[in-house]
């Protein structure tokens, strides 16, 4: 899955839960692996301690999954991802 783009991974994730053979779980895991450290860096640069930053990263990925059906690839996936992350950071403040 590492060779797929973020948009292609999101397309797999959008297929919905419980559909055998879609690779939904693998796609989501690949997306997490790809963006987990950059998100952690984002939150720590925003002044969040490391423990809380890890929680915010997890919350961001939960929100990505919850909003997967609303994602439209009109911009880079990272625009969508960091928009969610920023909103979570604001909510935490």
Foldseek 3Di string as FASTA:
>chain_A
DLVDFLVVLLVLLVPDPDDPPSCNVVSLVNVCVVCVVVQLVVVVVVVDDNVVSNVLSVVLSVVCSVCSNVDDPPDGVVVVSVVSSVVSSVVVD
